[in-house]
Amino acid sequence: MATGALAQGSDRDVAQAIVDELGKDAAHQAITAEPVGLARLALERGLRLHSLADEVHAREADGLAREWAEVARDLVRAADAETKAAEVRRKALDERVQLERTRALIDEGIARIGRLKAELDEAKKAAGDAKQGRRAVEVHDGDVKPPTKAPKKAAPVKPGAAGGAP
């Protein structure tokens, strides 16, 4: 609807245009029924007063019809705005849930990296210990055992020395 064009018409023409437009809007009929009905009554009253040549009261009735028609139109706009706001709110809540899920996944990933670093540090420590004299050797049946370092033997205890029996 061209609101600029309607604003230039008489109250009666503007009211009639809005009422006609809202009469075709089945989606908002429940919320516009009362103000549209009151606008139609005021239009009929204005028409009767025009036919009686009571122009002052006829213009007032036409003005009243325009006011009710504009109220109905504003109700439609408000309902549409509320619907859009509810949709935007729902989307925002969905995005918030997605963000919380993403944060949880990131936290889980960070914890996993920490555990893997700890395991890696332990493996490096174990590898360092292995380099200091430990080595794994695989021996198969019939193979000759590789030479190993003989463990150091303890020095024999001499009788009579440091707490030994005489």
C-alpha atoms as a PDB file:
ATOM      1  CA  MET A   1       0.000   0.000   0.000  1.00  0.00           C
ATOM      2  CA  ALA A   2       1.342   3.431  -0.858  1.00  0.00           C
ATOM      3  CA  THR A   3       1.043   5.286   2.427  1.00  0.00           C
ATOM      4  CA  GLY A   4       2.148   8.588   0.871  1.00  0.00           C
ATOM      5  CA  ALA A   5      -0.658   8.455  -1.672  1.00  0.00           C
ATOM      6  CA  LEU A   6      -3.219   7.506   0.962  1.00  0.00           C
ATOM      7  CA  ALA A   7      -2.139  10.284   3.297  1.00  0.00           C
ATOM      8  CA  GLN A   8      -3.070  12.819   0.615  1.00  0.00           C
ATOM      9  CA  GLY A   9      -6.621  11.472   0.155  1.00  0.00           C
ATOM     10  CA  SER A  10      -9.625  12.317   2.269  1.00  0.00           C
ATOM     11  CA  ASP A  11     -10.124  10.517   5.573  1.00  0.00           C
ATOM     12  CA  ARG A  12     -12.931   8.538   3.976  1.00  0.00           C
ATOM     13  CA  ASP A  13     -10.780   7.419   1.009  1.00  0.00           C
ATOM     14  CA  VAL A  14      -7.842   6.473   3.229  1.00  0.00           C
ATOM     15  CA  ALA A  15     -10.070   4.577   5.669  1.00  0.00           C
ATOM     16  CA  GLN A  16     -11.833   2.757   2.840  1.00  0.00           C
ATOM     17  CA  ALA A  17      -8.509   1.757   1.216  1.00  0.00           C
ATOM     18  CA  ILE A  18      -7.123   0.409   4.493  1.00  0.00           C
ATOM     19  CA  VAL A  19     -10.358  -1.444   5.298  1.00  0.00           C
ATOM     20  CA  ASP A  20     -10.415  -2.977   1.803  1.00  0.00           C
ATOM     21  CA  GLU A  21      -6.778  -4.033   2.096  1.00  0.00           C
ATOM     22  CA  LEU A  22      -7.225  -5.554   5.560  1.00  0.00           C
ATOM     23  CA  GLY A  23     -10.403  -7.295   4.425  1.00  0.00           C
ATOM     24  CA  LYS A  24      -8.241  -9.364   2.046  1.00  0.00           C
ATOM     25  CA  ASP A  25      -5.717 -10.228   4.802  1.00  0.00           C
ATOM     26  CA  ALA A  26      -6.971 -13.522   6.196  1.00  0.00           C
ATOM     27  CA  ALA A  27      -3.819 -14.124   8.225  1.00  0.00           C
ATOM     28  CA  HIS A  28      -4.472 -11.143  10.500  1.00  0.00           C
ATOM     29  CA  GLN A  29      -8.248 -11.221  10.487  1.00  0.00           C
ATOM     30  CA  ALA A  30      -8.473 -12.322  14.117  1.00  0.00           C
ATOM     31  CA  ILE A  31      -6.585  -9.287  15.413  1.00  0.00           C
ATOM     32  CA  THR A  32      -8.085  -6.743  13.011  1.00  0.00           C
ATOM     33  CA  ALA A  33     -11.729  -7.828  13.150  1.00  0.00           C
ATOM     34  CA  GLU A  34     -12.839  -5.392  15.842  1.00  0.00           C
ATOM     35  CA  PRO A  35     -11.084  -2.202  14.630  1.00  0.00           C
ATOM     36  CA  VAL A  36     -11.994  -2.954  10.996  1.00  0.00           C
ATOM     37  CA  GLY A  37     -15.617  -3.503  12.042  1.00  0.00           C
ATOM     38  CA  LEU A  38     -15.633  -0.189  13.922  1.00  0.00           C
ATOM     39  CA  ALA A  39     -14.071   1.547  10.907  1.00  0.00           C
ATOM     40  CA  ARG A  40     -16.782   0.130   8.650  1.00  0.00           C
ATOM     41  CA  LEU A  41     -19.496   1.348  11.047  1.00  0.00           C
ATOM     42  CA  ALA A  42     -17.953   4.823  11.090  1.00  0.00           C
ATOM     43  CA  LEU A  43     -17.757   4.806   7.253  1.00  0.00           C
ATOM     44  CA  GLU A  44     -21.448   3.868   7.046  1.00  0.00           C
ATOM     45  CA  ARG A  45     -22.331   6.586   9.566  1.00  0.00           C
ATOM     46  CA  GLY A  46     -20.298   9.090   7.556  1.00  0.00           C
ATOM     47  CA  LEU A  47     -22.066   8.048   4.353  1.00  0.00           C
ATOM     48  CA  ARG A  48     -25.472   8.533   6.009  1.00  0.00           C
ATOM     49  CA  LEU A  49     -24.422  11.934   7.342  1.00  0.00           C
ATOM     50  CA  HIS A  50     -23.136  12.950   3.873  1.00  0.00           C
ATOM     51  CA  SER A  51     -26.496  11.990   2.417  1.00  0.00           C
ATOM     52  CA  LEU A  52     -28.196  14.177   5.068  1.00  0.00           C
ATOM     53  CA  ALA A  53     -25.857  17.062   4.140  1.00  0.00           C
ATOM     54  CA  ASP A  54     -24.381  17.133   7.670  1.00  0.00           C
ATOM     55  CA  GLU A  55     -20.826  17.676   6.428  1.00  0.00           C
ATOM     56  CA  VAL A  56     -19.308  18.553   9.819  1.00  0.00           C
ATOM     57  CA  HIS A  57     -20.449  15.327  11.468  1.00  0.00           C
ATOM     58  CA  ALA A  58     -19.773  13.367   8.268  1.00  0.00           C
ATOM     59  CA  ARG A  59     -16.107  14.498   8.275  1.00  0.00           C
ATOM     60  CA  GLU A  60     -15.862  13.569  11.954  1.00  0.00           C
ATOM     61  CA  ALA A  61     -17.252  10.112  11.197  1.00  0.00           C
ATOM     62  CA  ASP A  62     -14.821   9.757   8.288  1.00  0.00           C
ATOM     63  CA  GLY A  63     -11.954  10.820  10.602  1.00  0.00           C
ATOM     64  CA  LEU A  64     -13.065   8.259  13.153  1.00  0.00           C
ATOM     65  CA  ALA A  65     -13.200   5.588  10.438  1.00  0.00           C
ATOM     66  CA  ARG A  66      -9.648   6.504   9.410  1.00  0.00           C
ATOM     67  CA  GLU A  67      -8.444   6.298  13.012  1.00  0.00           C
ATOM     68  CA  TRP A  68      -9.942   2.804  13.457  1.00  0.00           C
ATOM     69  CA  ALA A  69      -8.537   1.665  10.111  1.00  0.00           C
ATOM     70  CA  GLU A  70      -5.082   2.927  11.066  1.00  0.00           C
ATOM     71  CA  VAL A  71      -5.360   1.164  14.431  1.00  0.00           C
ATOM     72  CA  ALA A  72      -6.103  -2.089  12.593  1.00  0.00           C
ATOM     73  CA  ARG A  73      -3.150  -1.526  10.255  1.00  0.00           C
ATOM     74  CA  ASP A  74      -0.876  -0.771  13.227  1.00  0.00           C
ATOM     75  CA  LEU A  75      -2.039  -3.991  14.908  1.00  0.00           C
ATOM     76  CA  VAL A  76      -0.987  -5.922  11.809  1.00  0.00           C
ATOM     77  CA  ARG A  77       2.413  -4.227  11.828  1.00  0.00           C
ATOM     78  CA  ALA A  78       2.856  -4.952  15.538  1.00  0.00           C
ATOM     79  CA  ALA A  79       1.894  -8.601  15.086  1.00  0.00           C
ATOM     80  CA  ASP A  80       4.351  -8.938  12.205  1.00  0.00           C
ATOM     81  CA  ALA A  81       7.085  -7.266  14.260  1.00  0.00           C
ATOM     82  CA  GLU A  82       6.409  -9.606  17.196  1.00  0.00           C
ATOM     83  CA  THR A  83       6.566 -12.620  14.893  1.00  0.00           C
ATOM     84  CA  LYS A  84       9.850 -11.446  13.439  1.00  0.00           C
ATOM     85  CA  ALA A  85      11.251 -10.685  16.898  1.00  0.00           C
ATOM     86  CA  ALA A  86      10.285 -14.153  18.109  1.00  0.00           C
ATOM     87  CA  GLU A  87      12.005 -15.684  15.090  1.00  0.00           C
ATOM     88  CA  VAL A  88      15.151 -13.631  15.668  1.00  0.00           C
ATOM     89  CA  ARG A  89      15.102 -14.626  19.342  1.00  0.00           C
ATOM     90  CA  ARG A  90      14.745 -18.295  18.443  1.00  0.00           C
ATOM     91  CA  LYS A  91      17.668 -18.023  16.024  1.00  0.00           C
ATOM     92  CA  ALA A  92      19.761 -16.262  18.662  1.00  0.00           C
ATOM     93  CA  LEU A  93      19.022 -19.041  21.157  1.00  0.00           C
ATOM     94  CA  ASP A  94      19.941 -21.657  18.544  1.00  0.00           C
ATOM     95  CA  GLU A  95      23.202 -19.834  17.871  1.00  0.00           C
ATOM     96  CA  ARG A  96      23.897 -19.663  21.609  1.00  0.00           C
ATOM     97  CA  VAL A  97      23.411 -23.419  21.941  1.00  0.00           C
ATOM     98  CA  GLN A  98      25.720 -23.977  18.968  1.00  0.00           C
ATOM     99  CA  LEU A  99      28.316 -21.676  20.529  1.00  0.00           C
ATOM    100  CA  GLU A 100      28.152 -23.574  23.829  1.00  0.00           C
ATOM    101  CA  ARG A 101      28.594 -26.869  21.998  1.00  0.00           C
ATOM    102  CA  THR A 102      31.574 -25.478  20.111  1.00  0.00           C
ATOM    103  CA  ARG A 103      33.147 -24.220  23.339  1.00  0.00           C
ATOM    104  CA  ALA A 104      32.675 -27.640  24.929  1.00  0.00           C
ATOM    105  CA  LEU A 105      34.358 -29.293  21.943  1.00  0.00           C
ATOM    106  CA  ILE A 106      37.241 -26.826  22.130  1.00  0.00           C
ATOM    107  CA  ASP A 107      37.663 -27.435  25.867  1.00  0.00           C
ATOM    108  CA  GLU A 108      37.595 -31.174  25.246  1.00  0.00           C
ATOM    109  CA  GLY A 109      40.221 -30.788  22.511  1.00  0.00           C
ATOM    110  CA  ILE A 110      42.457 -28.705  24.778  1.00  0.00           C
ATOM    111  CA  ALA A 111      42.194 -31.321  27.528  1.00  0.00           C
ATOM    112  CA  ARG A 112      43.024 -34.078  25.065  1.00  0.00           C
ATOM    113  CA  ILE A 113      46.072 -32.171  23.833  1.00  0.00           C
ATOM    114  CA  GLY A 114      47.198 -31.783  27.452  1.00  0.00           C
ATOM    115  CA  ARG A 115      46.860 -35.512  28.055  1.00  0.00           C
ATOM    116  CA  LEU A 116      48.742 -36.295  24.838  1.00  0.00           C
ATOM    117  CA  LYS A 117      51.559 -33.900  25.816  1.00  0.00           C
ATOM    118  CA  ALA A 118      51.842 -35.609  29.208  1.00  0.00           C
ATOM    119  CA  GLU A 119      52.011 -39.020  27.516  1.00  0.00           C
ATOM    120  CA  LEU A 120      54.624 -37.698  25.095  1.00  0.00           C
ATOM    121  CA  ASP A 121      56.719 -36.312  27.960  1.00  0.00           C
ATOM    122  CA  GLU A 122      56.527 -39.687  29.713  1.00  0.00           C
ATOM    123  CA  ALA A 123      57.541 -41.473  26.518  1.00  0.00           C
ATOM    124  CA  LYS A 124      60.503 -39.107  26.082  1.00  0.00           C
ATOM    125  CA  LYS A 125      61.544 -39.719  29.679  1.00  0.00           C
ATOM    126  CA  ALA A 126      61.298 -43.478  29.166  1.00  0.00           C
ATOM    127  CA  ALA A 127      63.304 -43.182  25.951  1.00  0.00           C
ATOM    128  CA  GLY A 128      65.976 -41.231  27.830  1.00  0.00           C
ATOM    129  CA  ASP A 129      66.157 -43.970  30.460  1.00  0.00           C
ATOM    130  CA  ALA A 130      66.500 -46.575  27.723  1.00  0.00           C
ATOM    131  CA  LYS A 131      69.438 -44.716  26.223  1.00  0.00           C
ATOM    132  CA  GLN A 132      71.207 -44.929  29.568  1.00  0.00           C
ATOM    133  CA  GLY A 133      71.815 -48.652  29.439  1.00  0.00           C
ATOM    134  CA  ARG A 134      68.479 -50.173  28.715  1.00  0.00           C
ATOM    135  CA  ARG A 135      67.781 -51.665  25.407  1.00  0.00           C
ATOM    136  CA  ALA A 136      65.258 -54.117  24.158  1.00  0.00           C
ATOM    137  CA  VAL A 137      66.577 -57.154  22.339  1.00  0.00           C
ATOM    138  CA  GLU A 138      64.445 -59.653  20.533  1.00  0.00           C
ATOM    139  CA  VAL A 139      65.775 -63.217  20.625  1.00  0.00           C
ATOM    140  CA  HIS A 140      64.331 -65.987  18.486  1.00  0.00           C
ATOM    141  CA  ASP A 141      64.677 -69.724  18.955  1.00  0.00           C
ATOM    142  CA  GLY A 142      68.076 -70.866  17.784  1.00  0.00           C
ATOM    143  CA  ASP A 143      69.589 -67.374  17.866  1.00  0.00           C
ATOM    144  CA  VAL A 144      72.631 -66.687  19.941  1.00  0.00           C
ATOM    145  CA  LYS A 145      71.954 -64.376  22.807  1.00  0.00           C
ATOM    146  CA  PRO A 146      73.652 -61.049  22.356  1.00  0.00           C
ATOM    147  CA  PRO A 147      76.337 -60.302  24.877  1.00  0.00           C
ATOM    148  CA  THR A 148      75.163 -58.375  27.862  1.00  0.00           C
ATOM    149  CA  LYS A 149      77.127 -56.545  30.404  1.00  0.00           C
ATOM    150  CA  ALA A 150      77.738 -58.701  33.419  1.00  0.00           C
ATOM    151  CA  PRO A 151      76.273 -57.223  36.522  1.00  0.00           C
ATOM    152  CA  LYS A 152      78.842 -55.920  38.931  1.00  0.00           C
ATOM    153  CA  LYS A 153      79.562 -58.436  41.591  1.00  0.00           C
ATOM    154  CA  ALA A 154      79.752 -57.367  45.161  1.00  0.00           C
ATOM    155  CA  ALA A 155      83.187 -57.652  46.722  1.00  0.00           C
ATOM    156  CA  PRO A 156      83.468 -60.733  48.939  1.00  0.00           C
ATOM    157  CA  VAL A 157      83.333 -60.016  52.598  1.00  0.00           C
ATOM    158  CA  LYS A 158      86.601 -60.817  54.369  1.00  0.00           C
ATOM    159  CA  PRO A 159      86.351 -62.521  57.714  1.00  0.00           C
ATOM    160  CA  GLY A 160      87.094 -60.193  60.595  1.00  0.00           C
ATOM    161  CA  ALA A 161      86.482 -57.061  58.621  1.00  0.00           C
ATOM    162  CA  ALA A 162      83.859 -54.582  59.679  1.00  0.00           C
ATOM    163  CA  GLY A 163      81.574 -56.603  61.786  1.00  0.00           C
ATOM    164  CA  GLY A 164      82.380 -60.044  60.375  1.00  0.00           C
ATOM    165  CA  ALA A 165      82.925 -63.091  62.656  1.00  0.00           C
ATOM    166  CA  PRO A 166      86.649 -63.935  63.649  1.00  0.00           C
END
